[in-house]
């Protein structure tokens, strides 16, 4: 079952987006925020969209190993 945007905020843990939090952890806070946003984006997407994103990521990473 797909979750709506209003369901996401109720079920997921809140992420602190304040500037005070940025000054404390710097890179780790930015990485955690990016991961939280990515997780929320994936929850909203359909299964087909998720599979296409994963396939593209795998194909891009495998491209340098492709024998010419």
C-alpha atoms as a PDB file:
ATOM      1  CA  UNK A   1       0.000   0.000   0.000  1.00  0.00           C
ATOM      2  CA  UNK A   2       1.353   3.426  -0.936  1.00  0.00           C
ATOM      3  CA  UNK A   3       1.694   5.944   1.832  1.00  0.00           C
ATOM      4  CA  UNK A   4       0.560   9.491   1.346  1.00  0.00           C
ATOM      5  CA  UNK A   5       2.720  12.454   2.268  1.00  0.00           C
ATOM      6  CA  UNK A   6       0.684  13.079   5.442  1.00  0.00           C
ATOM      7  CA  UNK A   7       1.288   9.471   6.562  1.00  0.00           C
ATOM      8  CA  UNK A   8       5.046   9.804   6.152  1.00  0.00           C
ATOM      9  CA  UNK A   9       5.492  12.525   8.739  1.00  0.00           C
ATOM     10  CA  UNK A  10       3.481  10.560  11.286  1.00  0.00           C
ATOM     11  CA  UNK A  11       5.344   7.276  10.804  1.00  0.00           C
ATOM     12  CA  UNK A  12       8.937   8.388  10.228  1.00  0.00           C
ATOM     13  CA  UNK A  13      11.326   9.768  12.797  1.00  0.00           C
ATOM     14  CA  UNK A  14      11.784  13.540  12.607  1.00  0.00           C
ATOM     15  CA  UNK A  15      15.060  14.855  11.249  1.00  0.00           C
ATOM     16  CA  UNK A  16      16.467  18.041  12.769  1.00  0.00           C
ATOM     17  CA  UNK A  17      16.948  20.540   9.943  1.00  0.00           C
ATOM     18  CA  UNK A  18      17.942  23.486  12.139  1.00  0.00           C
ATOM     19  CA  UNK A  19      21.158  25.413  11.550  1.00  0.00           C
ATOM     20  CA  UNK A  20      22.338  24.636  15.098  1.00  0.00           C
ATOM     21  CA  UNK A  21      22.462  20.942  14.193  1.00  0.00           C
ATOM     22  CA  UNK A  22      24.535  21.713  11.088  1.00  0.00           C
ATOM     23  CA  UNK A  23      27.275  23.424  13.050  1.00  0.00           C
ATOM     24  CA  UNK A  24      27.604  20.484  15.456  1.00  0.00           C
ATOM     25  CA  UNK A  25      28.164  17.600  13.048  1.00  0.00           C
ATOM     26  CA  UNK A  26      28.842  19.194   9.691  1.00  0.00           C
ATOM     27  CA  UNK A  27      29.326  16.436   7.153  1.00  0.00           C
ATOM     28  CA  UNK A  28      27.634  13.686   9.197  1.00  0.00           C
ATOM     29  CA  UNK A  29      24.491  15.763   9.695  1.00  0.00           C
ATOM     30  CA  UNK A  30      24.351  16.581   5.982  1.00  0.00           C
ATOM     31  CA  UNK A  31      24.816  12.898   5.135  1.00  0.00           C
ATOM     32  CA  UNK A  32      22.067  11.852   7.559  1.00  0.00           C
ATOM     33  CA  UNK A  33      19.674  14.456   6.140  1.00  0.00           C
ATOM     34  CA  UNK A  34      20.381  13.331   2.580  1.00  0.00           C
ATOM     35  CA  UNK A  35      19.812   9.678   3.534  1.00  0.00           C
ATOM     36  CA  UNK A  36      16.541  10.574   5.287  1.00  0.00           C
ATOM     37  CA  UNK A  37      15.311  12.476   2.237  1.00  0.00           C
ATOM     38  CA  UNK A  38      16.266   9.592  -0.050  1.00  0.00           C
ATOM     39  CA  UNK A  39      14.432   7.086   2.164  1.00  0.00           C
ATOM     40  CA  UNK A  40      11.313   9.278   2.173  1.00  0.00           C
ATOM     41  CA  UNK A  41      11.484   9.656  -1.603  1.00  0.00           C
ATOM     42  CA  UNK A  42      11.751   5.886  -2.093  1.00  0.00           C
ATOM     43  CA  UNK A  43       8.725   5.259   0.151  1.00  0.00           C
ATOM     44  CA  UNK A  44       6.578   7.455  -2.075  1.00  0.00           C
ATOM     45  CA  UNK A  45       7.687   5.891  -5.383  1.00  0.00           C
ATOM     46  CA  UNK A  46       6.078   2.918  -7.079  1.00  0.00           C
ATOM     47  CA  UNK A  47       7.875  -0.411  -7.242  1.00  0.00           C
ATOM     48  CA  UNK A  48       8.578   0.055 -10.959  1.00  0.00           C
ATOM     49  CA  UNK A  49      10.220   3.430 -10.320  1.00  0.00           C
ATOM     50  CA  UNK A  50      12.323   1.974  -7.510  1.00  0.00           C
ATOM     51  CA  UNK A  51      13.504  -0.897  -9.744  1.00  0.00           C
ATOM     52  CA  UNK A  52      14.361   1.492 -12.575  1.00  0.00           C
ATOM     53  CA  UNK A  53      16.443   3.717 -10.273  1.00  0.00           C
ATOM     54  CA  UNK A  54      18.334   0.711  -8.907  1.00  0.00           C
ATOM     55  CA  UNK A  55      18.898  -0.673 -12.433  1.00  0.00           C
ATOM     56  CA  UNK A  56      20.235   2.664 -13.685  1.00  0.00           C
ATOM     57  CA  UNK A  57      22.551   2.952 -10.675  1.00  0.00           C
ATOM     58  CA  UNK A  58      23.893  -0.559 -11.308  1.00  0.00           C
ATOM     59  CA  UNK A  59      24.357   0.057 -15.028  1.00  0.00           C
ATOM     60  CA  UNK A  60      26.176   3.344 -14.439  1.00  0.00           C
ATOM     61  CA  UNK A  61      28.506   1.743 -11.915  1.00  0.00           C
ATOM     62  CA  UNK A  62      29.173  -1.245 -14.218  1.00  0.00           C
ATOM     63  CA  UNK A  63      29.876   0.907 -17.297  1.00  0.00           C
ATOM     64  CA  UNK A  64      33.665   1.322 -16.707  1.00  0.00           C
ATOM     65  CA  UNK A  65      34.071  -2.456 -16.471  1.00  0.00           C
ATOM     66  CA  UNK A  66      32.383  -3.024 -19.838  1.00  0.00           C
ATOM     67  CA  UNK A  67      34.927  -4.636 -22.198  1.00  0.00           C
ATOM     68  CA  UNK A  68      35.578  -2.637 -25.351  1.00  0.00           C
END
